[in-house]
N, C-alpha and C. Protein backbone atom coordinates (compact mmCIF):
# COMPACT_ATOMS: atom_id res chain seq x y z
N MET A 1 0.84 -1.18 0.00
CA MET A 1 0.00 0.00 0.00
C MET A 1 0.88 1.24 0.00
N ASN A 2 0.56 2.18 -0.84
CA ASN A 2 1.33 3.40 -0.97
C ASN A 2 0.75 4.46 -0.04
N ASN A 3 1.57 5.03 0.84
CA ASN A 3 1.08 6.01 1.81
C ASN A 3 1.68 7.38 1.56
N ASN A 4 1.70 7.84 0.33
CA ASN A 4 2.19 9.18 0.02
C ASN A 4 1.26 10.21 0.61
N SER A 5 1.80 11.15 1.32
CA SER A 5 1.08 12.26 1.93
C SER A 5 -0.18 11.80 2.62
N ASN A 6 -1.31 12.21 2.10
CA ASN A 6 -2.59 11.96 2.74
C ASN A 6 -3.42 10.93 1.97
N GLN A 7 -2.77 10.15 1.11
CA GLN A 7 -3.48 9.21 0.26
C GLN A 7 -3.22 7.76 0.70
N ILE A 8 -4.25 6.94 0.53
CA ILE A 8 -4.13 5.50 0.72
C ILE A 8 -4.41 4.88 -0.64
N SER A 9 -3.42 4.15 -1.17
CA SER A 9 -3.60 3.57 -2.50
C SER A 9 -2.71 2.36 -2.65
N ASN A 10 -2.94 1.63 -3.71
CA ASN A 10 -2.14 0.47 -4.08
C ASN A 10 -1.33 0.83 -5.31
N PRO A 11 -0.28 0.05 -5.59
CA PRO A 11 0.46 0.30 -6.83
C PRO A 11 -0.48 0.18 -8.03
N MET A 12 -0.34 1.10 -8.96
CA MET A 12 -1.24 1.14 -10.11
C MET A 12 -0.86 0.08 -11.14
N VAL A 13 -1.86 -0.67 -11.58
CA VAL A 13 -1.67 -1.60 -12.68
C VAL A 13 -1.76 -0.77 -13.96
N GLU A 14 -0.68 -0.77 -14.72
CA GLU A 14 -0.63 0.03 -15.94
C GLU A 14 -1.48 -0.62 -17.03
N VAL A 15 -2.18 0.22 -17.77
CA VAL A 15 -2.98 -0.23 -18.91
C VAL A 15 -2.57 0.59 -20.12
N PRO A 16 -2.77 0.05 -21.32
CA PRO A 16 -2.39 0.80 -22.52
C PRO A 16 -3.13 2.13 -22.61
N LYS A 17 -2.40 3.17 -22.94
CA LYS A 17 -2.99 4.51 -23.11
C LYS A 17 -3.23 4.74 -24.61
N THR A 18 -4.38 4.28 -25.09
CA THR A 18 -4.74 4.43 -26.49
C THR A 18 -6.13 5.03 -26.56
N ILE A 19 -6.62 5.27 -27.77
CA ILE A 19 -7.98 5.79 -27.92
C ILE A 19 -9.02 4.70 -27.68
N GLU A 20 -8.59 3.44 -27.71
CA GLU A 20 -9.51 2.34 -27.44
C GLU A 20 -9.65 2.16 -25.94
N MET A 21 -10.80 1.66 -25.53
CA MET A 21 -11.04 1.45 -24.11
C MET A 21 -10.12 0.35 -23.59
N ASN A 22 -9.66 0.55 -22.35
CA ASN A 22 -8.83 -0.45 -21.70
C ASN A 22 -9.57 -0.97 -20.46
N ASP A 23 -8.93 -1.86 -19.72
CA ASP A 23 -9.57 -2.46 -18.54
C ASP A 23 -10.01 -1.41 -17.53
N GLU A 24 -9.18 -0.40 -17.33
CA GLU A 24 -9.53 0.66 -16.37
C GLU A 24 -10.77 1.42 -16.84
N ASN A 25 -10.85 1.74 -18.12
CA ASN A 25 -12.03 2.43 -18.66
C ASN A 25 -13.29 1.59 -18.50
N TYR A 26 -13.19 0.31 -18.83
CA TYR A 26 -14.35 -0.57 -18.70
C TYR A 26 -14.80 -0.68 -17.25
N LEU A 27 -13.85 -0.82 -16.34
CA LEU A 27 -14.20 -0.93 -14.93
C LEU A 27 -14.82 0.36 -14.41
N ASN A 28 -14.29 1.51 -14.80
CA ASN A 28 -14.87 2.79 -14.38
C ASN A 28 -16.27 2.97 -14.93
N ASP A 29 -16.50 2.58 -16.18
CA ASP A 29 -17.84 2.66 -16.75
C ASP A 29 -18.81 1.75 -16.00
N LEU A 30 -18.36 0.54 -15.71
CA LEU A 30 -19.20 -0.41 -14.98
C LEU A 30 -19.51 0.11 -13.58
N LEU A 31 -18.52 0.68 -12.91
CA LEU A 31 -18.76 1.25 -11.58
C LEU A 31 -19.77 2.38 -11.62
N GLU A 32 -19.64 3.26 -12.60
CA GLU A 32 -20.58 4.38 -12.73
C GLU A 32 -22.00 3.85 -12.96
N TYR A 33 -22.12 2.86 -13.83
CA TYR A 33 -23.43 2.25 -14.11
C TYR A 33 -24.02 1.64 -12.84
N LEU A 34 -23.21 0.85 -12.11
CA LEU A 34 -23.71 0.19 -10.90
C LEU A 34 -24.07 1.19 -9.81
N LYS A 35 -23.28 2.25 -9.66
CA LYS A 35 -23.61 3.29 -8.68
C LYS A 35 -24.97 3.91 -9.00
N ASN A 36 -25.19 4.20 -10.26
CA ASN A 36 -26.48 4.77 -10.67
C ASN A 36 -27.62 3.79 -10.42
N MET A 37 -27.39 2.50 -10.71
CA MET A 37 -28.42 1.50 -10.46
C MET A 37 -28.75 1.41 -8.97
N VAL A 38 -27.72 1.40 -8.12
CA VAL A 38 -27.95 1.34 -6.67
C VAL A 38 -28.76 2.55 -6.23
N ASN A 39 -28.40 3.74 -6.70
CA ASN A 39 -29.16 4.94 -6.35
C ASN A 39 -30.61 4.84 -6.82
N ASN A 40 -30.81 4.38 -8.04
CA ASN A 40 -32.17 4.27 -8.57
C ASN A 40 -33.00 3.23 -7.81
N TYR A 41 -32.40 2.09 -7.49
CA TYR A 41 -33.12 1.10 -6.69
C TYR A 41 -33.46 1.66 -5.32
N SER A 42 -32.54 2.41 -4.74
CA SER A 42 -32.79 3.00 -3.44
C SER A 42 -33.99 3.95 -3.48
N TYR A 43 -34.01 4.82 -4.49
CA TYR A 43 -35.16 5.72 -4.64
C TYR A 43 -36.44 4.93 -4.83
N ALA A 44 -36.39 3.92 -5.68
CA ALA A 44 -37.58 3.12 -5.96
C ALA A 44 -38.08 2.43 -4.69
N LEU A 45 -37.17 1.83 -3.93
CA LEU A 45 -37.58 1.15 -2.70
C LEU A 45 -38.19 2.12 -1.70
N ASN A 46 -37.64 3.32 -1.61
CA ASN A 46 -38.18 4.31 -0.68
C ASN A 46 -39.58 4.78 -1.08
N GLU A 47 -39.89 4.72 -2.36
CA GLU A 47 -41.18 5.19 -2.86
C GLU A 47 -42.22 4.08 -3.00
N MET A 48 -41.79 2.83 -2.89
CA MET A 48 -42.67 1.69 -3.16
C MET A 48 -43.72 1.52 -2.08
N SER A 49 -44.96 1.45 -2.49
CA SER A 49 -46.03 1.22 -1.52
C SER A 49 -46.51 -0.23 -1.53
N ASN A 50 -46.19 -0.97 -2.58
CA ASN A 50 -46.61 -2.36 -2.69
C ASN A 50 -45.56 -3.27 -2.03
N GLN A 51 -45.96 -3.94 -0.95
CA GLN A 51 -45.02 -4.75 -0.18
C GLN A 51 -44.46 -5.92 -0.98
N GLU A 52 -45.28 -6.56 -1.79
CA GLU A 52 -44.80 -7.70 -2.58
C GLU A 52 -43.73 -7.25 -3.58
N LEU A 53 -43.97 -6.13 -4.24
CA LEU A 53 -42.99 -5.60 -5.17
C LEU A 53 -41.71 -5.21 -4.42
N TYR A 54 -41.86 -4.58 -3.28
CA TYR A 54 -40.71 -4.21 -2.45
C TYR A 54 -39.88 -5.45 -2.11
N ASN A 55 -40.56 -6.52 -1.69
CA ASN A 55 -39.87 -7.75 -1.32
C ASN A 55 -39.14 -8.39 -2.50
N ARG A 56 -39.62 -8.17 -3.71
CA ARG A 56 -38.97 -8.72 -4.90
C ARG A 56 -37.78 -7.86 -5.35
N ILE A 57 -37.88 -6.55 -5.16
CA ILE A 57 -36.84 -5.64 -5.63
C ILE A 57 -35.69 -5.52 -4.64
N LYS A 58 -35.98 -5.61 -3.35
CA LYS A 58 -34.93 -5.41 -2.34
C LYS A 58 -33.74 -6.35 -2.52
N PRO A 59 -33.93 -7.64 -2.77
CA PRO A 59 -32.75 -8.51 -2.99
C PRO A 59 -31.94 -8.10 -4.23
N ILE A 60 -32.60 -7.60 -5.25
CA ILE A 60 -31.90 -7.14 -6.44
C ILE A 60 -31.05 -5.91 -6.09
N PHE A 61 -31.63 -5.01 -5.30
CA PHE A 61 -30.89 -3.85 -4.81
C PHE A 61 -29.64 -4.28 -4.04
N GLU A 62 -29.82 -5.23 -3.10
CA GLU A 62 -28.70 -5.68 -2.27
C GLU A 62 -27.63 -6.36 -3.11
N GLU A 63 -28.04 -7.14 -4.09
CA GLU A 63 -27.09 -7.82 -4.97
C GLU A 63 -26.32 -6.81 -5.83
N THR A 64 -27.03 -5.81 -6.34
CA THR A 64 -26.40 -4.78 -7.16
C THR A 64 -25.42 -3.96 -6.32
N SER A 65 -25.81 -3.65 -5.09
CA SER A 65 -24.94 -2.91 -4.19
C SER A 65 -23.68 -3.70 -3.87
N ALA A 66 -23.82 -4.99 -3.60
CA ALA A 66 -22.66 -5.84 -3.31
C ALA A 66 -21.75 -5.93 -4.54
N LEU A 67 -22.35 -6.02 -5.71
CA LEU A 67 -21.57 -6.08 -6.95
C LEU A 67 -20.79 -4.79 -7.16
N GLN A 68 -21.43 -3.66 -6.90
CA GLN A 68 -20.76 -2.37 -7.03
C GLN A 68 -19.57 -2.30 -6.07
N ARG A 69 -19.76 -2.77 -4.86
CA ARG A 69 -18.68 -2.76 -3.87
C ARG A 69 -17.53 -3.67 -4.32
N HIS A 70 -17.87 -4.83 -4.86
CA HIS A 70 -16.86 -5.77 -5.34
C HIS A 70 -16.00 -5.12 -6.43
N PHE A 71 -16.63 -4.43 -7.39
CA PHE A 71 -15.87 -3.81 -8.47
C PHE A 71 -15.09 -2.59 -7.98
N PHE A 72 -15.60 -1.89 -6.97
CA PHE A 72 -14.82 -0.80 -6.38
C PHE A 72 -13.55 -1.37 -5.74
N ASP A 73 -13.72 -2.46 -4.98
CA ASP A 73 -12.56 -3.10 -4.35
C ASP A 73 -11.53 -3.53 -5.40
N LEU A 74 -12.00 -4.05 -6.51
CA LEU A 74 -11.10 -4.47 -7.58
C LEU A 74 -10.33 -3.27 -8.14
N ALA A 75 -11.04 -2.17 -8.38
CA ALA A 75 -10.38 -0.96 -8.89
C ALA A 75 -9.37 -0.43 -7.87
N PHE A 76 -9.71 -0.47 -6.58
CA PHE A 76 -8.80 -0.02 -5.54
C PHE A 76 -7.55 -0.91 -5.49
N GLN A 77 -7.75 -2.23 -5.58
CA GLN A 77 -6.61 -3.16 -5.56
C GLN A 77 -5.67 -2.92 -6.73
N ARG A 78 -6.21 -2.50 -7.86
CA ARG A 78 -5.38 -2.26 -9.04
C ARG A 78 -4.77 -0.85 -9.05
N GLY A 79 -5.06 -0.07 -8.02
CA GLY A 79 -4.47 1.25 -7.92
C GLY A 79 -5.17 2.31 -8.74
N TRP A 80 -6.37 2.02 -9.22
CA TRP A 80 -7.11 2.97 -10.04
C TRP A 80 -8.01 3.88 -9.21
N TYR A 81 -8.08 3.63 -7.92
CA TYR A 81 -8.78 4.49 -6.96
C TYR A 81 -7.85 4.68 -5.78
N SER A 82 -7.86 5.86 -5.20
CA SER A 82 -7.14 6.09 -3.97
C SER A 82 -8.10 6.76 -2.99
N LEU A 83 -7.79 6.64 -1.74
CA LEU A 83 -8.62 7.21 -0.69
C LEU A 83 -7.81 8.23 0.08
N GLU A 84 -8.49 9.19 0.65
CA GLU A 84 -7.82 10.20 1.46
C GLU A 84 -7.92 9.80 2.92
N LYS A 85 -6.78 9.87 3.61
CA LYS A 85 -6.78 9.58 5.05
C LYS A 85 -7.54 10.69 5.77
N ALA A 86 -8.37 10.27 6.71
CA ALA A 86 -9.07 11.25 7.54
C ALA A 86 -8.24 11.53 8.78
N GLU A 87 -8.15 12.79 9.13
CA GLU A 87 -7.44 13.17 10.35
C GLU A 87 -8.27 12.73 11.55
N GLN A 88 -7.59 12.25 12.58
CA GLN A 88 -8.29 11.75 13.77
C GLN A 88 -9.22 12.81 14.36
N GLN A 89 -8.81 14.06 14.32
CA GLN A 89 -9.65 15.14 14.85
C GLN A 89 -10.98 15.24 14.09
N LYS A 90 -10.92 15.09 12.76
CA LYS A 90 -12.14 15.15 11.95
C LYS A 90 -13.05 13.96 12.23
N ILE A 91 -12.45 12.80 12.41
CA ILE A 91 -13.24 11.60 12.72
C ILE A 91 -13.94 11.78 14.06
N THR A 92 -13.20 12.23 15.06
CA THR A 92 -13.76 12.44 16.40
C THR A 92 -14.86 13.48 16.37
N SER A 93 -14.63 14.57 15.64
CA SER A 93 -15.62 15.65 15.54
C SER A 93 -16.91 15.16 14.87
N SER A 94 -16.77 14.43 13.77
CA SER A 94 -17.95 13.91 13.07
C SER A 94 -18.70 12.91 13.94
N TYR A 95 -17.96 12.04 14.59
CA TYR A 95 -18.58 11.06 15.48
C TYR A 95 -19.39 11.77 16.56
N GLN A 96 -18.79 12.77 17.18
CA GLN A 96 -19.45 13.49 18.26
C GLN A 96 -20.70 14.20 17.76
N LYS A 97 -20.60 14.81 16.59
CA LYS A 97 -21.73 15.54 15.99
C LYS A 97 -22.93 14.61 15.80
N TYR A 98 -22.69 13.44 15.19
CA TYR A 98 -23.79 12.53 14.91
C TYR A 98 -24.24 11.78 16.15
N SER A 99 -23.34 11.57 17.08
CA SER A 99 -23.71 10.97 18.35
C SER A 99 -24.65 11.90 19.11
N ASP A 100 -24.33 13.20 19.10
CA ASP A 100 -25.20 14.19 19.75
C ASP A 100 -26.58 14.22 19.10
N LYS A 101 -26.63 14.16 17.77
CA LYS A 101 -27.91 14.18 17.08
C LYS A 101 -28.72 12.95 17.41
N LEU A 102 -28.06 11.81 17.51
CA LEU A 102 -28.77 10.57 17.87
C LEU A 102 -29.34 10.67 19.27
N GLN A 103 -28.58 11.26 20.20
CA GLN A 103 -29.07 11.43 21.57
C GLN A 103 -30.28 12.37 21.60
N GLU A 104 -30.30 13.38 20.75
CA GLU A 104 -31.42 14.31 20.69
C GLU A 104 -32.70 13.61 20.24
N MET A 105 -32.54 12.60 19.37
CA MET A 105 -33.72 11.90 18.85
C MET A 105 -34.29 10.91 19.85
N ASN A 106 -33.49 10.48 20.82
CA ASN A 106 -33.97 9.49 21.81
C ASN A 106 -34.73 10.12 22.92
């Protein structure tokens, strides 16, 4: 794992840089498609009033979400995605903020 500055990443798997699509392009397109599908299923499930339809669509949503996560992990392993390290102070501050809001709701 590469820990340059504030980034968490893996060594990048090089792909040909041509006008034709490569593995990285295909994976990014697939990820974008799956993210949109997960969002659309989420909206649909939130709006669904028919319980039978909801029960049929929810497993498809969960499967699509898991598939999206799987392909994200693959892209991260190949070094095509990097993550930013969060500072401990920001983590603590966010945790406290949402913890306080949760306490207000109880």
